[in-house]
Protein backbone atom coordinates (compact mmCIF):
# COMPACT_ATOMS: atom_id res chain seq x y z
CA MET A 1 54.02 54.15 12.80
CA PRO A 2 50.89 56.07 13.91
CA ILE A 3 49.35 58.55 11.46
CA SER A 4 49.23 62.15 12.66
CA PRO A 5 46.01 64.22 12.68
CA GLY A 6 45.69 66.24 9.49
CA THR A 7 47.27 63.53 7.32
CA ARG A 8 45.27 62.77 4.18
CA LEU A 9 44.60 59.31 2.83
CA GLY A 10 43.03 59.96 -0.54
CA PRO A 11 39.98 62.15 0.10
CA TYR A 12 39.98 61.38 3.83
CA GLU A 13 41.59 63.60 6.48
CA ILE A 14 42.66 61.96 9.72
CA ILE A 15 41.10 63.56 12.82
CA SER A 16 42.24 61.28 15.66
CA ALA A 17 43.21 57.75 16.54
CA LEU A 18 40.43 55.44 17.71
CA GLY A 19 42.34 52.27 18.54
CA ALA A 20 44.54 49.48 17.28
CA GLY A 21 44.45 45.71 17.08
CA GLY A 22 45.79 42.68 15.26
CA MET A 23 44.00 43.76 12.07
CA GLY A 24 45.49 47.27 12.03
CA GLU A 25 45.04 50.78 13.38
CA VAL A 26 41.69 52.60 13.33
CA TYR A 27 41.28 56.34 12.89
CA ARG A 28 38.44 58.81 12.94
CA ALA A 29 38.50 60.79 9.70
CA GLN A 30 36.57 63.32 7.62
CA ASP A 31 35.37 62.53 4.11
CA ALA A 32 36.07 65.81 2.32
CA ARG A 33 33.82 64.92 -0.61
CA LEU A 34 30.64 64.13 1.31
CA GLY A 35 31.28 66.03 4.52
CA ARG A 36 30.77 63.02 6.78
CA GLU A 37 32.84 61.38 9.47
CA VAL A 38 34.13 57.88 8.80
CA ALA A 39 36.27 55.26 10.48
CA ILE A 40 39.38 54.22 8.59
CA LYS A 41 41.16 50.96 9.32
CA VAL A 42 44.78 51.14 8.13
CA LEU A 43 46.13 47.68 7.42
CA PRO A 44 49.57 46.59 8.69
CA ALA A 45 52.43 47.36 6.31
CA THR A 46 53.29 43.67 5.97
CA PHE A 47 50.10 43.16 3.97
CA SER A 48 51.39 45.34 1.15
CA ALA A 49 54.19 42.90 0.40
CA ASP A 50 51.83 40.01 -0.35
CA PRO A 51 49.99 40.39 -3.69
CA ASP A 52 47.87 37.30 -3.10
CA ARG A 53 46.74 38.58 0.27
CA LEU A 54 45.94 42.02 -1.14
CA SER A 55 43.93 40.50 -3.96
CA ARG A 56 41.85 38.44 -1.57
CA PHE A 57 41.48 41.42 0.76
CA GLU A 58 39.97 43.49 -2.02
CA GLN A 59 37.67 40.63 -2.98
CA GLU A 60 36.51 40.18 0.61
CA ALA A 61 36.09 43.92 1.19
CA ARG A 62 33.97 44.28 -1.94
CA ALA A 63 31.81 41.40 -0.78
CA ALA A 64 31.40 43.01 2.64
CA ALA A 65 30.50 46.31 0.98
CA THR A 66 27.47 44.64 -0.62
CA LEU A 67 25.98 43.95 2.82
CA SER A 68 23.24 46.33 3.83
CA HIS A 69 21.73 45.64 7.23
CA PRO A 70 21.02 47.74 10.34
CA ASN A 71 23.26 45.46 12.44
CA ILE A 72 26.27 45.53 10.11
CA ALA A 73 28.69 48.45 9.93
CA VAL A 74 28.66 49.80 6.38
CA VAL A 75 31.82 49.52 4.29
CA HIS A 76 32.12 52.70 2.21
CA ASP A 77 35.41 52.34 0.39
CA ILE A 78 38.82 50.71 0.08
CA GLY A 79 41.90 52.58 -1.04
CA ALA A 80 45.65 53.04 -1.09
CA GLU A 81 47.95 55.95 -0.40
CA GLY A 82 51.45 54.94 -1.47
CA THR A 83 52.08 51.65 0.29
CA THR A 84 49.35 52.28 2.86
CA ARG A 85 46.19 50.20 2.35
CA TYR A 86 42.99 51.08 4.14
CA ILE A 87 39.31 50.33 4.38
CA VAL A 88 36.66 52.94 5.12
CA GLN A 89 33.64 52.12 7.29
CA GLU A 90 30.81 54.13 8.80
CA TYR A 91 31.79 55.98 11.96
CA LEU A 92 29.91 54.69 14.99
CA SER A 93 29.59 56.45 18.34
CA GLY A 94 29.43 54.04 21.22
CA THR A 95 31.49 51.37 22.94
CA THR A 96 32.73 48.01 21.83
CA LEU A 97 30.99 44.98 23.25
CA ARG A 98 34.31 44.16 24.94
CA GLU A 99 34.15 47.43 26.87
CA ALA A 100 30.52 46.77 27.75
CA LEU A 101 31.27 43.26 29.02
CA ASP A 102 34.19 44.51 31.09
CA THR A 103 32.37 47.44 32.69
CA GLN A 104 28.66 46.54 32.69
CA GLN A 105 28.61 42.98 34.04
CA THR A 106 25.51 43.75 36.11
CA LYS A 107 23.47 44.54 32.99
CA PRO A 108 20.28 42.41 33.00
CA LEU A 109 20.43 39.25 30.92
CA ARG A 110 17.52 40.40 28.78
CA GLU A 111 19.63 43.38 27.64
CA TRP A 112 22.55 41.14 26.72
CA ALA A 113 20.10 38.88 24.88
CA SER A 114 18.74 41.87 22.96
CA ILE A 115 22.24 42.95 21.92
CA ALA A 116 23.14 39.39 20.90
CA ALA A 117 19.90 39.09 18.91
CA GLY A 118 21.00 42.10 16.87
CA VAL A 119 24.37 40.45 16.24
CA ALA A 120 22.59 37.27 15.16
CA ASP A 121 20.37 39.30 12.81
CA GLY A 122 23.46 40.81 11.18
CA LEU A 123 25.12 37.41 10.90
CA ALA A 124 22.00 35.93 9.32
CA ALA A 125 21.96 38.66 6.67
CA ALA A 126 25.61 38.03 5.84
CA HIS A 127 25.21 34.27 5.82
CA ARG A 128 22.39 34.55 3.30
CA THR A 129 24.87 36.14 0.88
CA GLY A 130 27.46 33.43 1.53
CA ILE A 131 29.74 35.54 3.76
CA VAL A 132 31.03 34.05 7.02
CA HIS A 133 32.69 36.48 9.43
CA ARG A 134 35.16 34.00 10.96
CA ASP A 135 36.25 36.37 13.74
CA ILE A 136 33.18 37.24 15.80
CA LYS A 137 34.34 38.51 19.20
CA PRO A 138 33.38 41.36 21.55
CA GLU A 139 36.00 43.64 19.98
CA ASN A 140 34.25 43.32 16.61
CA VAL A 141 30.83 44.41 17.85
CA MET A 142 29.93 48.04 18.55
CA VAL A 143 27.10 48.90 20.93
CA THR A 144 25.59 52.32 20.29
CA ALA A 145 24.23 54.58 23.01
CA ASP A 146 20.71 53.23 22.45
CA GLY A 147 21.90 49.61 22.82
CA HIS A 148 21.95 48.83 19.10
CA ALA A 149 24.56 46.26 17.97
CA LYS A 150 26.71 46.72 14.87
CA VAL A 151 29.04 43.99 13.61
CA LEU A 152 32.40 45.22 12.33
CA ASP A 153 35.02 43.85 9.94
CA PHE A 154 32.93 41.46 7.89
CA GLY A 155 35.14 39.59 5.46
CA LEU A 156 38.41 40.84 6.94
CA ALA A 157 39.23 37.69 8.92
CA LYS A 158 40.13 35.76 5.80
CA LEU A 159 42.71 38.39 4.95
CA THR A 160 45.29 36.96 7.33
CA GLU A 161 45.00 33.30 6.38
CA PRO A 162 48.29 32.55 4.63
CA VAL A 163 50.90 33.90 6.98
CA GLY A 164 53.32 32.76 9.62
CA ALA A 165 53.20 31.45 13.13
CA ALA A 166 50.43 32.00 15.60
CA SER A 167 50.65 34.84 18.05
CA SER A 168 51.27 33.92 21.64
CA ASN A 169 48.70 36.46 22.76
CA ALA A 170 45.38 34.74 23.36
CA GLU A 171 43.59 38.08 22.89
CA SER A 172 44.73 38.77 19.34
CA PRO A 173 43.66 37.31 16.00
CA THR A 174 45.39 34.00 15.61
CA VAL A 175 46.65 32.19 12.54
CA LEU A 176 46.72 28.41 12.84
CA GLY A 177 48.94 27.00 10.15
CA THR A 178 51.61 28.31 7.83
CA MET A 179 50.13 28.11 4.35
CA ALA A 180 47.15 29.24 2.34
CA GLY A 181 44.05 27.47 3.56
CA SER A 182 44.88 27.77 7.24
CA VAL A 183 42.23 29.32 9.42
CA MET A 184 42.35 32.63 11.21
CA GLY A 185 40.31 33.74 14.18
CA THR A 186 40.68 34.77 17.82
CA ALA A 187 41.55 31.77 19.94
CA GLY A 188 39.01 32.28 22.72
CA TYR A 189 36.13 32.55 20.24
CA MET A 190 37.07 30.02 17.58
CA SER A 191 34.89 27.04 16.82
CA PRO A 192 36.47 23.59 17.20
CA GLU A 193 36.43 22.99 13.45
CA GLN A 194 38.07 26.38 12.87
CA ALA A 195 40.82 25.67 15.40
CA ALA A 196 41.43 22.27 13.78
CA GLY A 197 41.86 23.79 10.32
CA GLN A 198 38.65 22.22 9.03
CA PRO A 199 36.29 23.94 6.56
CA VAL A 200 34.03 26.46 8.28
CA ASP A 201 30.52 27.70 7.57
CA ARG A 202 27.90 29.91 9.23
CA ARG A 203 27.85 27.67 12.30
CA THR A 204 31.36 28.85 13.17
CA ASP A 205 29.98 32.36 13.72
CA ILE A 206 27.16 30.90 15.83
CA PHE A 207 29.69 29.14 18.08
CA ALA A 208 31.59 32.41 18.53
CA LEU A 209 28.40 34.23 19.49
CA GLY A 210 27.74 31.45 22.00
CA CYS A 211 31.13 32.24 23.59
CA ILE A 212 30.04 35.86 23.96
CA LEU A 213 26.73 34.82 25.53
CA TYR A 214 28.59 32.59 28.00
CA GLU A 215 30.82 35.51 28.97
CA ALA A 216 27.83 37.84 29.34
CA ALA A 217 26.10 35.35 31.62
CA THR A 218 29.04 34.30 33.80
CA GLY A 219 31.67 37.03 33.55
CA GLN A 220 34.13 34.36 32.39
CA ARG A 221 35.20 33.12 29.00
CA PRO A 222 34.29 29.54 28.19
CA PHE A 223 37.79 28.76 26.89
CA ALA A 224 40.65 30.56 28.59
CA GLY A 225 44.38 30.04 28.91
CA ARG A 226 47.74 31.70 29.22
CA SER A 227 48.60 31.22 25.54
CA VAL A 228 46.96 30.45 22.22
CA ALA A 229 48.15 26.84 22.44
CA GLU A 230 46.52 26.37 25.85
CA VAL A 231 43.26 27.99 24.74
CA VAL A 232 43.08 25.88 21.58
CA ALA A 233 43.79 22.71 23.57
CA HIS A 234 40.83 23.50 25.85
CA LEU A 235 38.71 24.33 22.84
CA LEU A 236 39.44 21.05 21.06
CA HIS A 237 39.36 18.69 24.02
CA ASP A 238 37.38 20.26 26.88
CA ASP A 239 33.85 21.43 27.50
CA PRO A 240 33.47 24.68 29.41
CA GLN A 241 32.22 24.56 32.97
CA PRO A 242 28.42 24.65 32.71
CA ALA A 243 27.25 28.26 32.88
CA ALA A 244 24.53 27.27 35.34
CA GLU A 245 27.22 26.10 37.79
CA LEU A 246 28.95 29.47 37.69
CA ARG A 247 25.65 31.31 37.96
CA PRO A 248 23.02 29.27 39.82
CA ASP A 249 20.29 31.84 39.08
CA LEU A 250 20.82 31.54 35.33
CA PRO A 251 17.43 31.08 33.64
CA THR A 252 16.92 27.68 32.04
CA GLU A 253 16.25 29.12 28.60
CA PHE A 254 19.39 31.25 28.55
CA ASP A 255 21.47 28.25 29.62
CA ARG A 256 19.88 26.14 26.87
CA ILE A 257 20.69 28.77 24.24
CA ILE A 258 24.33 28.90 25.35
CA ARG A 259 24.72 25.11 25.34
CA LYS A 260 23.19 24.81 21.90
CA CYS A 261 25.51 27.47 20.48
CA LEU A 262 28.57 25.84 22.04
CA ALA A 263 27.93 22.27 20.90
CA LYS A 264 31.26 20.88 19.71
CA GLU A 265 29.65 19.23 16.72
CA PRO A 266 28.30 21.78 14.21
CA ALA A 267 25.26 19.63 13.43
CA ARG A 268 24.05 20.02 17.02
CA ARG A 269 24.28 23.81 17.12
CA TYR A 270 21.75 26.29 15.81
CA GLN A 271 21.88 25.75 12.07
CA HIS A 272 20.86 29.32 11.18
CA ALA A 273 21.52 32.60 12.95
CA ASP A 274 17.88 33.53 12.30
CA ASP A 275 16.75 30.79 14.66
CA LEU A 276 19.19 31.95 17.33
CA ALA A 277 17.95 35.53 16.95
CA VAL A 278 14.36 34.41 17.46
CA ASP A 279 15.19 32.55 20.69
CA LEU A 280 17.25 35.46 22.03
CA ARG A 281 14.56 37.99 21.24
CA ASP A 282 11.88 35.81 22.80
CA PHE A 283 13.97 35.59 25.96
CA ALA A 284 14.59 39.34 25.99
CA GLN A 285 10.90 40.13 25.56
CA ARG A 286 9.86 37.74 28.34
CA GLY A 287 12.43 39.30 30.62
CA GLY A 288 13.95 35.98 31.66
CA ALA A 289 12.80 32.57 32.78
CA VAL A 290 12.91 30.50 35.93
CA PRO A 291 16.34 29.24 36.99
CA ALA A 292 17.37 25.74 36.04
CA PRO A 293 16.20 23.23 38.63
CA ALA A 294 18.82 21.71 40.89
CA THR A 295 19.76 18.14 40.11
CA ASN A 296 20.96 17.01 43.53
CA ALA A 297 18.56 14.10 43.90
CA VAL A 298 18.45 10.79 42.11
CA ALA A 299 15.54 10.72 39.69
CA ALA A 300 13.93 7.78 37.93
CA ARG A 301 13.19 9.20 34.51
CA PRO A 302 10.47 8.15 32.09
CA VAL A 303 11.36 7.14 28.57
CA LEU A 304 11.65 10.35 26.54
CA ALA A 305 11.14 11.01 22.87
CA PRO A 306 14.42 10.04 21.20
CA VAL A 307 16.88 12.55 19.88
CA TRP A 308 19.65 10.03 19.35
CA TRP A 309 18.91 6.32 19.68
CA LEU A 310 21.20 4.18 21.76
CA ALA A 311 21.18 0.58 20.62
CA ILE A 312 22.21 -2.07 23.14
CA ILE A 313 23.25 -5.17 21.28
CA VAL A 314 23.69 -8.57 22.93
CA VAL A 315 25.98 -10.57 20.66
CA ALA A 316 26.00 -14.29 21.41
CA ALA A 317 29.01 -14.85 19.18
CA ILE A 318 31.11 -12.38 21.16
CA ALA A 319 29.95 -13.92 24.42
CA ALA A 320 31.17 -17.24 23.08
CA LEU A 321 34.62 -15.73 22.62
CA ALA A 322 35.21 -15.81 26.35
CA ALA A 323 34.42 -19.50 26.54
CA GLY A 324 35.61 -21.00 23.29
CA ARG A 325 37.55 -18.20 21.57
CA TYR A 326 35.88 -19.12 18.37
CA LEU A 327 34.25 -16.61 16.04
CA SER A 328 31.48 -17.99 13.88
CA PRO A 329 31.18 -16.93 10.25
CA ALA A 330 29.25 -13.71 9.67
CA GLU A 331 26.09 -15.47 8.58
CA ASP A 332 25.97 -17.41 11.88
CA VAL A 333 26.59 -14.26 13.92
CA SER A 334 23.65 -12.45 12.34
CA ARG A 335 21.24 -15.22 13.36
CA GLU A 336 22.40 -15.10 16.99
CA VAL A 337 22.20 -11.35 17.57
CA VAL A 338 19.60 -9.96 19.95
CA ARG A 339 18.95 -6.21 19.72
CA PHE A 340 16.95 -3.68 21.64
CA GLU A 341 16.96 0.10 21.81
CA ILE A 342 16.90 2.65 24.60
CA PRO A 343 15.74 6.19 23.77
CA SER A 344 18.08 9.01 24.73
CA ASP A 345 17.19 12.60 25.58
CA GLY A 346 20.20 13.77 23.61
CA LEU A 347 23.80 14.55 24.34
CA SER A 348 26.18 17.16 23.04
CA ALA A 349 29.34 15.36 24.21
CA THR A 350 30.79 14.12 20.97
CA PHE A 351 34.51 14.26 21.66
CA ASN A 352 34.83 11.71 24.47
CA ARG A 353 33.55 8.22 25.09
CA THR A 354 29.88 8.44 25.92
CA ILE A 355 29.01 4.90 27.02
CA ALA A 356 30.38 2.44 29.58
CA MET A 357 29.33 -1.13 30.34
CA SER A 358 29.83 -2.71 33.74
CA PRO A 359 32.34 -5.57 33.42
CA ASP A 360 29.62 -8.09 34.34
CA GLY A 361 27.40 -6.82 31.51
CA ARG A 362 24.46 -6.01 33.77
CA VAL A 363 24.44 -2.18 33.60
CA VAL A 364 24.95 0.41 30.88
CA VAL A 365 26.09 3.94 31.77
CA ARG A 366 25.45 6.81 29.37
CA ILE A 367 26.38 10.47 29.18
CA GLU A 368 23.50 12.78 28.48
CA ASP A 369 23.23 16.56 28.71
CA SER A 370 21.68 16.24 32.16
CA GLY A 371 24.48 14.01 33.51
CA LEU A 372 25.31 10.32 33.85
CA THR A 373 22.42 7.90 33.57
CA VAL A 374 22.47 4.28 34.68
CA ARG A 375 20.16 1.55 33.39
CA PRO A 376 20.23 -2.10 34.40
CA LEU A 377 19.64 -4.22 31.32
CA ASP A 378 16.76 -5.90 33.12
CA GLY A 379 15.19 -2.52 34.00
CA LEU A 380 12.89 -0.12 32.17
CA VAL A 381 13.96 3.29 33.47
CA ASP A 382 17.14 5.32 33.64
CA GLN A 383 18.53 6.62 36.90
CA LEU A 384 20.11 10.07 36.73
CA LEU A 385 23.12 10.26 39.04
CA PRO A 386 23.31 13.50 41.06
CA GLY A 387 26.35 15.73 40.77
CA THR A 388 27.40 14.40 37.36
CA THR A 389 26.43 17.26 35.05
CA GLY A 390 29.24 17.75 32.54
CA ALA A 391 30.64 14.25 33.10
CA ARG A 392 32.92 12.85 30.40
CA ASP A 393 34.56 9.47 29.71
CA PRO A 394 32.74 7.19 32.19
CA ALA A 395 34.44 3.98 33.33
CA VAL A 396 32.99 1.32 35.64
CA SER A 397 35.11 -0.24 38.39
CA ALA A 398 36.23 -3.86 38.15
CA ASP A 399 33.85 -4.81 40.98
CA ASN A 400 30.87 -3.20 39.14
CA GLN A 401 30.14 -0.91 42.12
CA ASP A 402 31.38 2.56 41.11
CA ILE A 403 31.77 4.85 38.13
CA ALA A 404 34.76 7.08 37.44
CA PHE A 405 34.41 10.12 35.18
CA TRP A 406 36.04 13.44 34.37
CA SER A 407 34.41 16.81 35.00
CA SER A 408 35.61 20.39 35.42
CA GLY A 409 39.29 19.56 35.72
CA GLN A 410 38.85 16.63 38.12
CA ILE A 411 38.66 12.87 37.90
CA LYS A 412 35.75 11.89 40.13
CA ARG A 413 33.88 8.77 41.23
CA THR A 414 30.38 7.97 42.39
CA PRO A 415 28.50 4.76 43.32
CA ILE A 416 26.77 3.16 40.36
CA GLU A 417 23.51 3.18 42.32
CA GLY A 418 23.83 6.90 43.15
CA GLY A 419 25.39 8.68 46.09
CA ALA A 420 28.15 11.10 46.97
CA VAL A 421 30.52 12.28 44.24
CA LEU A 422 34.13 12.12 45.42
CA ALA A 423 37.17 13.78 43.85
CA VAL A 424 39.89 11.30 42.93
CA GLY A 425 42.44 13.81 41.68
CA ALA A 426 43.04 16.86 39.53
CA MET A 427 43.54 16.69 35.77
CA PRO A 428 43.11 20.06 34.00
CA SER A 429 42.74 18.71 30.46
CA ARG A 430 39.97 16.40 29.35
CA PRO A 431 40.99 12.72 29.09
CA LEU A 432 41.41 10.85 25.84
CA GLY A 433 39.85 7.60 27.01
CA MET A 434 39.73 6.29 30.57
CA SER A 435 39.40 2.81 32.12
CA TRP A 436 39.30 1.35 35.64
CA ALA A 437 41.58 -1.64 36.06
CA ASP A 438 41.68 -4.61 38.43
CA ASP A 439 44.90 -3.30 39.99
CA GLY A 440 43.14 -0.40 41.72
CA TYR A 441 44.18 2.30 39.27
CA ILE A 442 42.28 4.42 36.78
CA TYR A 443 44.20 4.65 33.51
CA VAL A 444 43.94 7.76 31.33
CA GLY A 445 45.03 8.60 27.79
CA ARG A 446 46.57 12.07 27.51
CA GLY A 447 47.44 12.45 23.83
CA ALA A 448 51.01 13.64 23.34
CA GLU A 449 51.71 13.05 27.05
CA GLY A 450 51.17 9.29 26.77
CA VAL A 451 49.39 7.09 29.33
CA TRP A 452 48.87 8.10 32.96
CA ARG A 453 47.16 6.58 35.98
CA ILE A 454 45.76 7.58 39.37
CA ALA A 455 44.90 5.45 42.39
CA GLU A 456 41.17 4.77 42.67
CA GLY A 457 41.22 5.95 46.29
CA GLY A 458 42.63 9.35 45.34
CA GLY A 459 46.01 10.87 44.77
CA THR A 460 48.10 12.46 42.04
CA LEU A 461 48.30 11.46 38.40
CA GLU A 462 51.50 9.73 37.40
CA GLN A 463 52.82 8.96 33.95
CA VAL A 464 53.28 5.23 33.35
CA LEU A 465 53.94 5.16 29.62
CA PRO A 466 55.49 8.06 27.68
CA ILE A 467 55.00 8.27 23.95
CA ASP A 468 57.34 9.34 21.16
CA ALA A 469 57.26 12.91 19.87
CA GLY A 470 54.60 13.40 17.23
CA GLN A 471 52.43 10.56 18.54
CA LEU A 472 49.16 10.56 20.50
CA ALA A 473 47.77 8.04 22.99
CA HIS A 474 44.07 7.27 23.45
CA GLY A 475 41.99 4.81 25.46
CA PRO A 476 44.44 2.82 27.62
CA GLN A 477 43.31 -0.46 29.17
CA ARG A 478 45.41 -2.55 31.56
CA LEU A 479 45.74 -6.18 30.46
CA SER A 480 47.14 -9.20 32.27
CA GLY A 481 50.78 -8.99 33.26
CA ASP A 482 52.14 -5.50 32.75
CA TRP A 483 50.70 -4.83 29.29
CA ILE A 484 48.77 -1.71 28.35
CA LEU A 485 46.43 -1.73 25.36
CA PHE A 486 45.85 1.69 23.74
CA THR A 487 45.46 3.51 20.43
CA ARG A 488 48.59 5.16 19.03
CA ALA A 489 48.07 7.84 16.38
CA ALA A 490 50.44 10.03 14.42
CA ARG A 491 48.12 13.02 14.04
CA VAL A 492 44.86 14.59 15.12
CA ASN A 493 42.09 13.74 12.65
CA GLY A 494 44.05 10.61 11.70
CA TRP A 495 42.58 8.08 14.10
CA ASN A 496 41.19 5.79 11.39
CA ASP A 497 44.79 5.21 10.35
CA ALA A 498 46.06 4.80 13.90
CA GLU A 499 47.29 1.54 15.47
CA VAL A 500 45.88 -0.39 18.39
CA VAL A 501 48.95 -1.59 20.24
CA ALA A 502 49.96 -3.41 23.41
CA VAL A 503 53.05 -2.09 25.20
CA SER A 504 54.83 -3.67 28.17
CA LEU A 505 55.31 -1.27 31.08
CA SER A 506 58.56 -2.96 32.12
CA SER A 507 60.30 -3.76 28.83
CA LYS A 508 58.51 -1.16 26.64
CA GLU A 509 58.07 -3.90 24.01
CA SER A 510 55.36 -2.89 21.57
CA ARG A 511 53.05 -5.19 19.61
CA VAL A 512 50.69 -3.96 16.91
CA LEU A 513 47.38 -5.80 17.28
CA VAL A 514 45.38 -3.67 14.83
CA PRO A 515 47.36 -1.85 12.10
CA ALA A 516 44.51 0.52 11.11
CA GLY A 517 41.80 1.37 13.63
CA HIS A 518 41.15 3.09 16.94
CA ASP A 519 39.57 2.87 20.39
CA GLY A 520 40.35 -0.78 20.99
CA ARG A 521 38.76 -2.73 23.88
CA TRP A 522 39.87 -6.14 25.03
CA VAL A 523 37.45 -9.01 25.68
CA PRO A 524 38.71 -12.55 26.24
CA GLY A 525 40.28 -13.71 22.99
CA TYR A 526 39.56 -10.53 21.03
CA VAL A 527 40.25 -6.87 20.59
CA ILE A 528 37.21 -4.90 19.48
CA TYR A 529 38.07 -1.72 17.59
CA ALA A 530 36.53 1.02 15.43
CA ARG A 531 37.30 2.10 11.90
CA ASN A 532 35.24 4.37 9.64
CA GLY A 533 32.22 4.12 11.93
CA ALA A 534 32.21 0.30 12.06
CA LEU A 535 33.25 -2.07 14.84
CA PHE A 536 35.44 -5.11 14.18
CA ALA A 537 36.58 -8.07 16.28
CA GLN A 538 40.26 -9.02 15.90
CA PRO A 539 41.11 -12.50 17.28
CA VAL A 540 44.06 -12.28 19.70
CA ASP A 541 45.86 -14.90 21.76
CA ASP A 542 45.46 -13.78 25.37
CA GLY A 543 48.77 -15.30 26.40
CA THR A 544 51.07 -14.04 23.65
CA LEU A 545 49.01 -11.01 22.63
CA GLU A 546 49.49 -11.92 19.00
CA PRO A 547 46.73 -11.73 16.35
CA THR A 548 45.46 -15.20 15.48
CA GLY A 549 43.22 -14.56 12.48
CA SER A 550 41.42 -11.99 10.38
CA ALA A 551 39.20 -9.31 11.84
CA VAL A 552 35.44 -9.74 11.41
CA LEU A 553 32.86 -6.98 11.06
CA VAL A 554 30.56 -6.77 14.09
CA VAL A 555 28.31 -3.75 13.43
CA GLU A 556 28.22 -0.59 11.31
CA GLY A 557 26.94 2.94 11.91
CA VAL A 558 28.66 3.57 15.25
CA GLY A 559 29.20 7.17 16.32
CA THR A 560 32.73 8.55 16.62
CA SER A 561 34.18 11.80 17.90
CA SER A 562 33.47 14.88 15.84
CA MET A 563 35.83 15.10 12.85
CA GLN A 564 37.81 12.19 14.33
CA MET A 565 39.64 14.59 16.63
CA THR A 566 40.08 12.49 19.75
CA GLY A 567 39.90 8.86 18.67
CA ALA A 568 36.76 8.14 20.71
CA ALA A 569 34.10 5.76 19.42
CA PHE A 570 30.74 5.68 21.15
CA TYR A 571 30.61 2.10 22.35
CA ASP A 572 31.72 -0.23 25.11
CA VAL A 573 31.79 -3.97 25.61
CA SER A 574 31.57 -5.95 28.83
CA ARG A 575 33.85 -8.85 29.68
CA THR A 576 30.83 -11.10 29.14
CA GLY A 577 30.49 -9.97 25.54
CA ILE A 578 27.61 -7.49 25.70
CA LEU A 579 28.13 -4.58 23.34
CA ALA A 580 26.51 -1.14 23.74
CA TYR A 581 26.84 1.59 21.15
CA SER A 582 25.16 4.77 19.94
CA LEU A 583 24.50 5.49 16.32
CA GLY A 584 26.52 7.96 14.32
CA THR A 585 25.01 11.36 13.61
CA GLU A 586 24.17 10.34 10.07
CA ALA A 587 21.54 8.08 11.61
CA GLY A 588 19.55 11.19 12.51
CA LEU A 589 19.27 12.39 8.91
CA LYS A 590 15.71 12.59 7.66
CA GLN A 591 14.27 13.00 4.20
CA LEU A 592 11.36 15.44 4.04
CA VAL A 593 8.51 14.14 1.90
CA TRP A 594 5.14 15.38 0.68
CA ILE A 595 2.21 13.00 1.15
CA ALA A 596 -0.95 13.55 -0.89
CA ASN A 597 -3.63 11.00 -1.79
CA ASP A 598 -1.48 8.22 -0.34
CA VAL A 599 1.37 9.15 -2.72
CA ILE A 600 4.72 9.87 -1.04
CA THR A 601 6.98 12.27 -2.95
CA PRO A 602 10.43 13.18 -1.53
CA LEU A 603 11.05 16.92 -1.49
CA PRO A 604 13.92 18.04 -3.74
CA ILE A 605 16.38 18.65 -0.89
CA ALA A 606 19.07 16.47 0.67
CA PRO A 607 18.34 14.65 3.96
CA ILE A 608 18.64 16.96 6.98
CA TYR A 609 18.71 16.80 10.78
CA ALA A 610 15.04 17.70 11.13
CA GLY A 611 13.08 17.75 14.34
CA GLN A 612 9.82 19.57 13.68
CA VAL A 613 8.37 20.83 10.41
CA ALA A 614 5.59 23.31 9.69
CA LEU A 615 3.92 24.61 6.55
CA SER A 616 3.66 28.29 5.71
CA PRO A 617 0.08 29.68 5.72
CA ASP A 618 -0.07 29.55 1.91
């Protein structure tokens, strides 16, 4: 129950209530010993009954008390009065960032950038001591009257890790899991790895700050929903609507900062809050930049310096499958492989399929940050398709003329040579694999909801293949007869141990073609599939859909969805046997070396994702 004014907690006398939240009630109080005002957070009574939680709370609070930075609220003390546990912080006069966002939406972007730079400075100081906040959100940032940002509650997020079911309130701190080691945060500001129960580091706080920047720029949250479950589903499987679409006048640099913070894969975000603070402060000092240019015209783009390299591999042995259904031994395959590379300007879409081949093997379609690009294999330039920013899961039509993709809650289509983008039908959640079949339907994997389809000419999604409770469906492909090939998994993050199966739509008969693998694609006589970043070819009888031999390794180092969350592998294969794939992120690791007098000496650090390097003046 609330604490009345005049009540004493140790040496502190309660003056008035300041607020309440999922972490407890906050009061303004007077420190009788030092004659100063403080803020006291009184922890919920349920915490007192858990010795393990209290022990870790004290450990975290002591760690937070060691932080000394102008952008971090000072922790003065922790204490107990009977069964009441509390933490004492400096008293700050101002408003929370939540109140500022709700009431000052017209504030210039440079002012939001300045506030966020202060938050990033505070985060950087904490991260250098090994402390990760884990619950950065507008409610945990105070903005003083002079616009100075102060981060609150460092170290407290971990306090709630071991308990109970998640709240249904998407605004409150949320516990995902029911045992020690689960991850706590606020659903709308969690990072994908945090929501999935994966280990977190400083980049989780950077993602959360990116959510705040998105909200400051657009007035909307990047991941919203009516419940925690809905928010987390969007967070794990969907990209937010591009901020530049919601705010056409958004400066290019601010949009770039947001996108880099919100990259699903931690390795593609800012790696240090210091770097983010520098970019934000530069933006604030310049007072903004020019808006992002419109991309409503087809552009032939020059070859750019590579960020990721996309390797297009023409495999003669796989092409021979269609004719003779015979797979040569590995040593013969290696002598018949022709390889060439296409540089990519980078993509942050690492949860969905990112490449599609036309069935005739003449064109490769790729997702990049700027939209869908098309390149004929006999051409030298990419064509950027207008209206495809934010596209996910491309699939080429059976007649090689159009591309289907998902974007902003819609399945859409556009001519492969560029043209109008047409809506096919609504689908709020991002697809788990999509293909365009000969029968005039686009087939979509929808995880626990099974396999769905929608008519290529437009209409409403319909379920064609339900899936048992506890199972997930990814990457459906319509085969001859009424068979559907897809990946069937028993858990998120368990796609390497999933099955590639064929199921009859009429009889529901199920045949396991690959007992351990994911993202299978049929080519005549074979099922190509991924496992542990490698692609394999499993011989299959096209008539009986029964395996006819042992799988053979095709290529290694293929990219897969971040933390194996969605089952996507970054490759596609045409019906003529041409394979396109992008390398896994480990391919971008670089070893820094020192070169002197023609002697190369590796620096004593592990390989990193380095782009540019510079020496200090000394």
